Amino acid sequence: MLAGYLPPSSGNIRIDGIDVAADSLAARARVGYVPEDAPLYDDMRAGEFLRFMAAIKGVAGHAVRGAVATAAAQLELGPVLGMTIGKLSRGYRQRVALAQALLNDPPLLILDEPTNALDAYQVIAVRALVRSLAGRRTVLVASHVLTEIERVASRIMILVDGRLLTTDAMREAGSARPFRLRVAGPDPTVLAALKAIPGVINAVPADTAESYLVEVGPSQLAAADLARAIVGHGFALSELAEAKPSLEHVFLDLTRQVSTMPANTA
């Protein structure tokens, strides 16, 4: 809807003060969009494609060369501008798609799954690139890969089944404090004891044997209090460390809350 591909069924959208439905072309002129699996003309050379896209985007004729050169330099496309797009690697194709979105220097850049199907080296490169594109413009990244979003975004929104669960997920993470524990004993017994400790919101097994993630409410339970409670229950505690809240943890917590809400209040 932001990119102008779908009309909103209700409400309205404004980009830089311009209504997307009422003045679609003017709104889209302020957006650079890279869809997942961006369609490119495989028979065109990369430089030729970028000049073509600059013309479509309304870049003045005398400014096309400069716009293409700037975008190509930013995306490090110099070595492949004369190559046919169909012969480029997946990483370079993604860079060409990103370059076309920047040709008219839009204030809003929308990227859908920008690291999809890239290898590890290309993912790192695109991640750094996305961070470098922010600052002078708003960069909106849509992805289901939570670890990637966590590494590039300064603010994270979570959307599930068309419902916006939060507009700042990592601020939500600050409302609870997770601890990583290593406690000897049978899982069901240990989990039951952990959940029974006053101030503990939730406890789940972690990724290794006898390890647990315990979530406590803000200012409700200090690490020393938690340790005393565990030892007081007769368990051997070998590790206790405060863990940084992860986006995955916040996502699971929010979706769990939604799944327990009555249908008429959802």
C-alpha atoms as a PDB file:
ATOM      1  CA  MET A   1       0.000   0.000   0.000  1.00  0.00           C
ATOM      2  CA  LEU A   2       2.870   2.399   0.757  1.00  0.00           C
ATOM      3  CA  ALA A   3       4.404   1.611  -2.639  1.00  0.00           C
ATOM      4  CA  GLY A   4       1.100   2.137  -4.424  1.00  0.00           C
ATOM      5  CA  TYR A   5       0.570  -1.469  -5.495  1.00  0.00           C
ATOM      6  CA  LEU A   6      -2.562  -2.015  -3.381  1.00  0.00           C
ATOM      7  CA  PRO A   7      -5.227   0.546  -2.413  1.00  0.00           C
ATOM      8  CA  PRO A   8      -6.073   0.731   1.313  1.00  0.00           C
ATOM      9  CA  SER A   9      -9.485  -0.758   2.115  1.00  0.00           C
ATOM     10  CA  SER A  10      -9.994   1.864   4.818  1.00  0.00           C
ATOM     11  CA  GLY A  11      -8.182   4.821   6.323  1.00  0.00           C
ATOM     12  CA  ASN A  12      -5.543   6.748   4.412  1.00  0.00           C
ATOM     13  CA  ILE A  13      -1.791   6.840   3.889  1.00  0.00           C
ATOM     14  CA  ARG A  14       0.364   9.930   3.501  1.00  0.00           C
ATOM     15  CA  ILE A  15       3.988   9.976   2.444  1.00  0.00           C
ATOM     16  CA  ASP A  16       5.739  13.287   2.989  1.00  0.00           C
ATOM     17  CA  GLY A  17       2.284  14.832   3.365  1.00  0.00           C
ATOM     18  CA  ILE A  18       0.977  13.406   0.069  1.00  0.00           C
ATOM     19  CA  ASP A  19      -2.067  11.121   0.025  1.00  0.00           C
ATOM     20  CA  VAL A  20      -1.124   7.829  -1.657  1.00  0.00           C
ATOM     21  CA  ALA A  21      -4.605   7.286  -3.135  1.00  0.00           C
ATOM     22  CA  ALA A  22      -5.417  10.868  -4.127  1.00  0.00           C
ATOM     23  CA  ASP A  23      -2.030  11.665  -5.719  1.00  0.00           C
ATOM     24  CA  SER A  24      -0.433   8.289  -6.389  1.00  0.00           C
ATOM     25  CA  LEU A  25       2.290   9.391  -8.807  1.00  0.00           C
ATOM     26  CA  ALA A  26       3.541  12.189  -6.557  1.00  0.00           C
ATOM     27  CA  ALA A  27       3.592   9.856  -3.544  1.00  0.00           C
ATOM     28  CA  ARG A  28       5.413   7.109  -5.429  1.00  0.00           C
ATOM     29  CA  ALA A  29       8.000   9.600  -6.629  1.00  0.00           C
ATOM     30  CA  ARG A  30       9.082   9.826  -2.989  1.00  0.00           C
ATOM     31  CA  VAL A  31       9.463   6.060  -2.565  1.00  0.00           C
ATOM     32  CA  GLY A  32      12.252   3.699  -3.572  1.00  0.00           C
ATOM     33  CA  TYR A  33      10.946   0.131  -3.577  1.00  0.00           C
ATOM     34  CA  VAL A  34      12.781  -3.197  -3.793  1.00  0.00           C
ATOM     35  CA  PRO A  35      10.370  -6.164  -3.723  1.00  0.00           C
ATOM     36  CA  GLU A  36      11.435  -9.682  -2.838  1.00  0.00           C
ATOM     37  CA  ASP A  37      12.898 -11.294  -5.985  1.00  0.00           C
ATOM     38  CA  ALA A  38      12.947  -7.909  -7.713  1.00  0.00           C
ATOM     39  CA  PRO A  39      12.095  -8.197 -11.432  1.00  0.00           C
ATOM     40  CA  LEU A  40      15.066  -7.160 -13.594  1.00  0.00           C
ATOM     41  CA  TYR A  41      15.570  -7.176 -17.362  1.00  0.00           C
ATOM     42  CA  ASP A  42      18.090  -9.989 -17.787  1.00  0.00           C
ATOM     43  CA  ASP A  43      18.943  -9.027 -21.382  1.00  0.00           C
ATOM     44  CA  MET A  44      19.925  -5.471 -20.461  1.00  0.00           C
ATOM     45  CA  ARG A  45      23.326  -4.417 -19.207  1.00  0.00           C
ATOM     46  CA  ALA A  46      23.339  -3.181 -15.607  1.00  0.00           C
ATOM     47  CA  GLY A  47      24.286   0.379 -16.557  1.00  0.00           C
ATOM     48  CA  GLU A  48      21.720   0.451 -19.361  1.00  0.00           C
ATOM     49  CA  PHE A  49      19.014  -0.766 -16.967  1.00  0.00           C
ATOM     50  CA  LEU A  50      19.856   1.926 -14.415  1.00  0.00           C
ATOM     51  CA  ARG A  51      19.728   4.675 -17.077  1.00  0.00           C
ATOM     52  CA  PHE A  52      16.370   3.314 -18.246  1.00  0.00           C
ATOM     53  CA  MET A  53      14.995   3.285 -14.682  1.00  0.00           C
ATOM     54  CA  ALA A  54      16.269   6.806 -14.027  1.00  0.00           C
ATOM     55  CA  ALA A  55      14.303   8.039 -17.051  1.00  0.00           C
ATOM     56  CA  ILE A  56      11.164   6.219 -15.869  1.00  0.00           C
ATOM     57  CA  LYS A  57      11.538   7.788 -12.435  1.00  0.00           C
ATOM     58  CA  GLY A  58      11.576  11.254 -14.002  1.00  0.00           C
ATOM     59  CA  VAL A  59      15.232  12.098 -13.454  1.00  0.00           C
ATOM     60  CA  ALA A  60      16.019  14.981 -15.821  1.00  0.00           C
ATOM     61  CA  GLY A  61      18.022  13.983 -18.907  1.00  0.00           C
ATOM     62  CA  HIS A  62      21.118  15.973 -17.975  1.00  0.00           C
ATOM     63  CA  ALA A  63      21.073  14.468 -14.455  1.00  0.00           C
ATOM     64  CA  VAL A  64      20.720  10.795 -15.425  1.00  0.00           C
ATOM     65  CA  ARG A  65      24.449  10.154 -15.815  1.00  0.00           C
ATOM     66  CA  GLY A  66      25.190  11.637 -12.377  1.00  0.00           C
ATOM     67  CA  ALA A  67      22.312   9.761 -10.700  1.00  0.00           C
ATOM     68  CA  VAL A  68      23.470   6.441 -12.149  1.00  0.00           C
ATOM     69  CA  ALA A  69      27.094   7.116 -11.209  1.00  0.00           C
ATOM     70  CA  THR A  70      26.139   8.016  -7.623  1.00  0.00           C
ATOM     71  CA  ALA A  71      23.946   4.946  -7.134  1.00  0.00           C
ATOM     72  CA  ALA A  72      26.520   2.668  -8.768  1.00  0.00           C
ATOM     73  CA  ALA A  73      29.279   4.013  -6.529  1.00  0.00           C
ATOM     74  CA  GLN A  74      27.153   3.598  -3.417  1.00  0.00           C
ATOM     75  CA  LEU A  75      26.371  -0.017  -4.356  1.00  0.00           C
ATOM     76  CA  GLU A  76      29.901  -0.735  -5.680  1.00  0.00           C
ATOM     77  CA  LEU A  77      28.559  -1.697  -9.111  1.00  0.00           C
ATOM     78  CA  GLY A  78      31.387  -0.207 -11.184  1.00  0.00           C
ATOM     79  CA  PRO A  79      32.891  -3.556 -12.289  1.00  0.00           C
ATOM     80  CA  VAL A  80      29.557  -4.912 -13.587  1.00  0.00           C
ATOM     81  CA  LEU A  81      27.857  -1.903 -15.226  1.00  0.00           C
ATOM     82  CA  GLY A  82      28.780  -3.237 -18.669  1.00  0.00           C
ATOM     83  CA  MET A  83      27.655  -6.799 -17.927  1.00  0.00           C
ATOM     84  CA  THR A  84      24.315  -8.355 -18.839  1.00  0.00           C
ATOM     85  CA  ILE A  85      22.096  -8.590 -15.752  1.00  0.00           C
ATOM     86  CA  GLY A  86      21.272 -12.233 -16.487  1.00  0.00           C
ATOM     87  CA  LYS A  87      24.935 -13.125 -15.992  1.00  0.00           C
ATOM     88  CA  LEU A  88      25.293 -11.409 -12.623  1.00  0.00           C
ATOM     89  CA  SER A  89      25.510 -13.248  -9.300  1.00  0.00           C
ATOM     90  CA  ARG A  90      22.569 -13.143  -6.905  1.00  0.00           C
ATOM     91  CA  GLY A  91      24.415 -10.603  -4.759  1.00  0.00           C
ATOM     92  CA  TYR A  92      25.078  -8.225  -7.649  1.00  0.00           C
ATOM     93  CA  ARG A  93      21.498  -8.559  -8.898  1.00  0.00           C
ATOM     94  CA  GLN A  94      20.323  -7.478  -5.452  1.00  0.00           C
ATOM     95  CA  ARG A  95      22.681  -4.506  -5.598  1.00  0.00           C
ATOM     96  CA  VAL A  96      21.317  -3.502  -9.007  1.00  0.00           C
ATOM     97  CA  ALA A  97      17.767  -3.675  -7.607  1.00  0.00           C
ATOM     98  CA  LEU A  98      18.815  -1.495  -4.668  1.00  0.00           C
ATOM     99  CA  ALA A  99      20.584   0.951  -6.980  1.00  0.00           C
ATOM    100  CA  GLN A 100      17.451   1.526  -9.097  1.00  0.00           C
ATOM    101  CA  ALA A 101      15.510   2.346  -5.928  1.00  0.00           C
ATOM    102  CA  LEU A 102      18.013   5.106  -5.077  1.00  0.00           C
ATOM    103  CA  LEU A 103      18.229   6.817  -8.478  1.00  0.00           C
ATOM    104  CA  ASN A 104      15.788   9.618  -7.631  1.00  0.00           C
ATOM    105  CA  ASP A 105      17.120   9.948  -4.053  1.00  0.00           C
ATOM    106  CA  PRO A 106      13.764   9.135  -2.377  1.00  0.00           C
ATOM    107  CA  PRO A 107      13.077  10.083   1.257  1.00  0.00           C
ATOM    108  CA  LEU A 108      11.495   6.643   1.868  1.00  0.00           C
ATOM    109  CA  LEU A 109      13.142   3.341   0.927  1.00  0.00           C
ATOM    110  CA  ILE A 110      11.081   0.124   1.234  1.00  0.00           C
ATOM    111  CA  LEU A 111      12.967  -3.195   1.148  1.00  0.00           C
ATOM    112  CA  ASP A 112      11.156  -6.544   1.182  1.00  0.00           C
ATOM    113  CA  GLU A 113      13.368  -9.448   2.341  1.00  0.00           C
ATOM    114  CA  PRO A 114      16.590  -7.772   1.125  1.00  0.00           C
ATOM    115  CA  THR A 115      18.821 -10.711   2.160  1.00  0.00           C
ATOM    116  CA  ASN A 116      16.617 -13.488   0.775  1.00  0.00           C
ATOM    117  CA  ALA A 117      18.615 -16.329  -0.903  1.00  0.00           C
ATOM    118  CA  LEU A 118      21.960 -14.580  -0.402  1.00  0.00           C
ATOM    119  CA  ASP A 119      25.019 -16.420   0.899  1.00  0.00           C
ATOM    120  CA  ALA A 120      26.598 -15.519   4.244  1.00  0.00           C
ATOM    121  CA  TYR A 121      29.107 -13.057   2.751  1.00  0.00           C
ATOM    122  CA  GLN A 122      26.404 -11.317   0.701  1.00  0.00           C
ATOM    123  CA  VAL A 123      24.092 -11.108   3.719  1.00  0.00           C
ATOM    124  CA  ILE A 124      26.795  -9.311   5.720  1.00  0.00           C
ATOM    125  CA  ALA A 125      27.437  -6.917   2.823  1.00  0.00           C
ATOM    126  CA  VAL A 126      23.749  -6.094   2.299  1.00  0.00           C
ATOM    127  CA  ARG A 127      23.247  -5.666   6.045  1.00  0.00           C
ATOM    128  CA  ALA A 128      26.040  -3.076   6.167  1.00  0.00           C
ATOM    129  CA  LEU A 129      24.635  -1.412   3.070  1.00  0.00           C
ATOM    130  CA  VAL A 130      21.146  -1.087   4.544  1.00  0.00           C
ATOM    131  CA  ARG A 131      22.596   0.535   7.670  1.00  0.00           C
ATOM    132  CA  SER A 132      24.581   2.975   5.514  1.00  0.00           C
ATOM    133  CA  LEU A 133      21.448   4.007   3.574  1.00  0.00           C
ATOM    134  CA  ALA A 134      19.694   5.223   6.718  1.00  0.00           C
ATOM    135  CA  GLY A 135      20.217   8.684   8.190  1.00  0.00           C
ATOM    136  CA  ARG A 136      19.178  10.976   5.375  1.00  0.00           C
ATOM    137  CA  ARG A 137      16.113   8.859   4.615  1.00  0.00           C
ATOM    138  CA  THR A 138      13.702   6.441   6.272  1.00  0.00           C
ATOM    139  CA  VAL A 139      14.456   2.807   5.453  1.00  0.00           C
ATOM    140  CA  LEU A 140      11.588   0.370   6.005  1.00  0.00           C
ATOM    141  CA  VAL A 141      12.666  -3.290   5.916  1.00  0.00           C
ATOM    142  CA  ALA A 142      10.117  -6.119   5.898  1.00  0.00           C
ATOM    143  CA  SER A 143      11.436  -9.562   6.801  1.00  0.00           C
ATOM    144  CA  HIS A 144      10.524 -12.763   8.602  1.00  0.00           C
ATOM    145  CA  VAL A 145      14.194 -13.321   9.553  1.00  0.00           C
ATOM    146  CA  LEU A 146      14.169 -11.881  13.062  1.00  0.00           C
ATOM    147  CA  THR A 147      17.946 -12.007  13.579  1.00  0.00           C
ATOM    148  CA  GLU A 148      18.527  -9.889  10.468  1.00  0.00           C
ATOM    149  CA  ILE A 149      15.973  -7.285  11.547  1.00  0.00           C
ATOM    150  CA  GLU A 150      17.526  -7.156  15.006  1.00  0.00           C
ATOM    151  CA  ARG A 151      20.929  -6.386  13.477  1.00  0.00           C
ATOM    152  CA  VAL A 152      19.902  -3.582  11.110  1.00  0.00           C
ATOM    153  CA  ALA A 153      16.890  -1.821  12.624  1.00  0.00           C
ATOM    154  CA  SER A 154      16.774   1.032  15.114  1.00  0.00           C
ATOM    155  CA  ARG A 155      13.038   0.515  15.677  1.00  0.00           C
ATOM    156  CA  ILE A 156      11.130  -2.723  15.148  1.00  0.00           C
ATOM    157  CA  MET A 157       7.412  -3.216  14.544  1.00  0.00           C
ATOM    158  CA  ILE A 158       5.788  -6.663  14.678  1.00  0.00           C
ATOM    159  CA  LEU A 159       2.866  -7.437  12.385  1.00  0.00           C
ATOM    160  CA  VAL A 160       1.054 -10.782  12.660  1.00  0.00           C
ATOM    161  CA  ASP A 161      -2.010 -11.728  10.595  1.00  0.00           C
ATOM    162  CA  GLY A 162      -2.599  -8.093   9.687  1.00  0.00           C
ATOM    163  CA  ARG A 163      -2.466  -6.964  13.312  1.00  0.00           C
ATOM    164  CA  LEU A 164       0.190  -4.544  14.559  1.00  0.00           C
ATOM    165  CA  LEU A 165       1.346  -5.972  17.889  1.00  0.00           C
ATOM    166  CA  THR A 166       3.916  -3.309  18.734  1.00  0.00           C
ATOM    167  CA  THR A 167       5.552  -0.273  17.154  1.00  0.00           C
ATOM    168  CA  ASP A 168       8.768  -0.656  19.165  1.00  0.00           C
ATOM    169  CA  ALA A 169       9.558  -4.270  19.965  1.00  0.00           C
ATOM    170  CA  MET A 170      12.878  -3.698  21.699  1.00  0.00           C
ATOM    171  CA  ARG A 171      11.317  -1.169  24.055  1.00  0.00           C
ATOM    172  CA  GLU A 172       8.813  -3.907  24.882  1.00  0.00           C
ATOM    173  CA  ALA A 173      11.792  -6.129  25.638  1.00  0.00           C
ATOM    174  CA  GLY A 174      12.910  -3.686  28.295  1.00  0.00           C
ATOM    175  CA  SER A 175       9.739  -4.297  30.301  1.00  0.00           C
ATOM    176  CA  ALA A 176      10.937  -7.752  31.365  1.00  0.00           C
ATOM    177  CA  ARG A 177      14.349  -9.098  32.405  1.00  0.00           C
ATOM    178  CA  PRO A 178      15.455 -12.552  31.247  1.00  0.00           C
ATOM    179  CA  PHE A 179      18.050 -14.625  33.125  1.00  0.00           C
ATOM    180  CA  ARG A 180      19.924 -17.648  31.817  1.00  0.00           C
ATOM    181  CA  LEU A 181      20.309 -20.369  34.438  1.00  0.00           C
ATOM    182  CA  ARG A 182      21.979 -23.771  34.651  1.00  0.00           C
ATOM    183  CA  VAL A 183      20.226 -25.918  37.245  1.00  0.00           C
ATOM    184  CA  ALA A 184      20.726 -29.643  37.843  1.00  0.00           C
ATOM    185  CA  GLY A 185      17.575 -31.720  38.014  1.00  0.00           C
ATOM    186  CA  PRO A 186      14.699 -33.156  35.961  1.00  0.00           C
ATOM    187  CA  ASP A 187      13.232 -30.543  33.588  1.00  0.00           C
ATOM    188  CA  PRO A 188       9.595 -30.735  34.761  1.00  0.00           C
ATOM    189  CA  THR A 189      10.592 -30.435  38.422  1.00  0.00           C
ATOM    190  CA  VAL A 190      12.998 -27.554  37.844  1.00  0.00           C
ATOM    191  CA  LEU A 191      10.550 -25.655  35.601  1.00  0.00           C
ATOM    192  CA  ALA A 192       7.729 -26.047  38.112  1.00  0.00           C
ATOM    193  CA  ALA A 193       9.968 -24.732  40.901  1.00  0.00           C
ATOM    194  CA  LEU A 194      11.184 -21.787  38.821  1.00  0.00           C
ATOM    195  CA  LYS A 195       7.653 -20.754  37.839  1.00  0.00           C
ATOM    196  CA  ALA A 196       6.579 -20.925  41.491  1.00  0.00           C
ATOM    197  CA  ILE A 197       9.146 -18.308  42.591  1.00  0.00           C
ATOM    198  CA  PRO A 198       7.392 -14.971  43.314  1.00  0.00           C
ATOM    199  CA  GLY A 199       8.312 -12.390  40.656  1.00  0.00           C
ATOM    200  CA  VAL A 200       8.987 -14.962  37.927  1.00  0.00           C
ATOM    201  CA  ILE A 201       6.770 -14.356  34.881  1.00  0.00           C
ATOM    202  CA  ASN A 202       7.820 -17.355  32.825  1.00  0.00           C
ATOM    203  CA  ALA A 203      10.467 -20.079  32.595  1.00  0.00           C
ATOM    204  CA  VAL A 204      11.359 -22.202  29.560  1.00  0.00           C
ATOM    205  CA  PRO A 205      14.161 -24.655  28.689  1.00  0.00           C
ATOM    206  CA  ALA A 206      17.114 -23.040  26.898  1.00  0.00           C
ATOM    207  CA  ASP A 207      19.179 -24.478  24.055  1.00  0.00           C
ATOM    208  CA  THR A 208      21.467 -26.727  26.151  1.00  0.00           C
ATOM    209  CA  ALA A 209      20.875 -29.413  28.764  1.00  0.00           C
ATOM    210  CA  GLU A 210      19.893 -28.213  32.253  1.00  0.00           C
ATOM    211  CA  SER A 211      19.743 -24.607  30.983  1.00  0.00           C
ATOM    212  CA  TYR A 212      16.713 -22.353  31.361  1.00  0.00           C
ATOM    213  CA  LEU A 213      15.567 -18.865  30.423  1.00  0.00           C
ATOM    214  CA  VAL A 214      13.694 -17.219  33.263  1.00  0.00           C
ATOM    215  CA  GLU A 215      11.772 -13.985  32.761  1.00  0.00           C
ATOM    216  CA  VAL A 216      11.141 -11.745  35.755  1.00  0.00           C
ATOM    217  CA  GLY A 217       9.146  -8.553  35.995  1.00  0.00           C
ATOM    218  CA  PRO A 218      10.920  -5.187  36.100  1.00  0.00           C
ATOM    219  CA  SER A 219      12.343  -4.426  39.558  1.00  0.00           C
ATOM    220  CA  GLN A 220      10.615  -7.491  41.001  1.00  0.00           C
ATOM    221  CA  LEU A 221      13.510  -9.862  41.524  1.00  0.00           C
ATOM    222  CA  ALA A 222      17.262  -9.305  41.723  1.00  0.00           C
ATOM    223  CA  ALA A 223      19.749 -11.939  40.566  1.00  0.00           C
ATOM    224  CA  ALA A 224      20.782 -12.653  44.175  1.00  0.00           C
ATOM    225  CA  ASP A 225      17.143 -13.161  45.201  1.00  0.00           C
ATOM    226  CA  LEU A 226      16.595 -15.550  42.309  1.00  0.00           C
ATOM    227  CA  ALA A 227      19.716 -17.535  43.219  1.00  0.00           C
ATOM    228  CA  ARG A 228      18.660 -17.806  46.867  1.00  0.00           C
ATOM    229  CA  ALA A 229      15.200 -19.003  45.876  1.00  0.00           C
ATOM    230  CA  ILE A 230      16.580 -21.716  43.588  1.00  0.00           C
ATOM    231  CA  VAL A 231      19.099 -22.970  46.136  1.00  0.00           C
ATOM    232  CA  GLY A 232      16.386 -22.797  48.813  1.00  0.00           C
ATOM    233  CA  HIS A 233      14.345 -25.248  46.757  1.00  0.00           C
ATOM    234  CA  GLY A 234      17.223 -27.707  47.047  1.00  0.00           C
ATOM    235  CA  PHE A 235      18.615 -27.383  43.508  1.00  0.00           C
ATOM    236  CA  ALA A 236      22.279 -27.070  42.511  1.00  0.00           C
ATOM    237  CA  LEU A 237      22.728 -23.762  40.673  1.00  0.00           C
ATOM    238  CA  SER A 238      25.907 -23.640  38.540  1.00  0.00           C
ATOM    239  CA  GLU A 239      25.205 -20.589  36.354  1.00  0.00           C
ATOM    240  CA  LEU A 240      23.109 -17.442  36.549  1.00  0.00           C
ATOM    241  CA  ALA A 241      23.526 -14.535  34.129  1.00  0.00           C
ATOM    242  CA  GLU A 242      21.251 -11.741  32.977  1.00  0.00           C
ATOM    243  CA  ALA A 243      20.537 -12.228  29.273  1.00  0.00           C
ATOM    244  CA  LYS A 244      19.914  -9.521  26.709  1.00  0.00           C
ATOM    245  CA  PRO A 245      16.275  -9.676  25.563  1.00  0.00           C
ATOM    246  CA  SER A 246      16.097 -10.995  21.997  1.00  0.00           C
ATOM    247  CA  LEU A 247      13.628 -10.035  19.290  1.00  0.00           C
ATOM    248  CA  GLU A 248      12.633 -13.688  19.078  1.00  0.00           C
ATOM    249  CA  HIS A 249      11.779 -13.662  22.783  1.00  0.00           C
ATOM    250  CA  VAL A 250       9.631 -10.528  22.374  1.00  0.00           C
ATOM    251  CA  PHE A 251       7.944 -11.923  19.256  1.00  0.00           C
ATOM    252  CA  LEU A 252       7.007 -15.190  20.962  1.00  0.00           C
ATOM    253  CA  ASP A 253       5.788 -13.369  24.052  1.00  0.00           C
ATOM    254  CA  LEU A 254       3.561 -10.974  22.074  1.00  0.00           C
ATOM    255  CA  THR A 255       2.126 -13.691  19.838  1.00  0.00           C
ATOM    256  CA  ARG A 256       1.448 -15.836  22.916  1.00  0.00           C
ATOM    257  CA  GLN A 257      -0.498 -12.952  24.448  1.00  0.00           C
ATOM    258  CA  VAL A 258      -2.573 -12.535  21.281  1.00  0.00           C
ATOM    259  CA  SER A 259      -3.339 -16.271  21.053  1.00  0.00           C
ATOM    260  CA  THR A 260      -4.821 -16.221  24.555  1.00  0.00           C
ATOM    261  CA  MET A 261      -7.046 -13.191  23.922  1.00  0.00           C
ATOM    262  CA  PRO A 262     -10.808 -13.834  23.425  1.00  0.00           C
ATOM    263  CA  ALA A 263     -11.854 -13.540  19.779  1.00  0.00           C
ATOM    264  CA  ASN A 264     -14.150 -10.566  20.425  1.00  0.00           C
ATOM    265  CA  THR A 265     -11.328  -8.510  21.968  1.00  0.00           C
ATOM    266  CA  ALA A 266      -8.618  -9.429  19.459  1.00  0.00           C
END
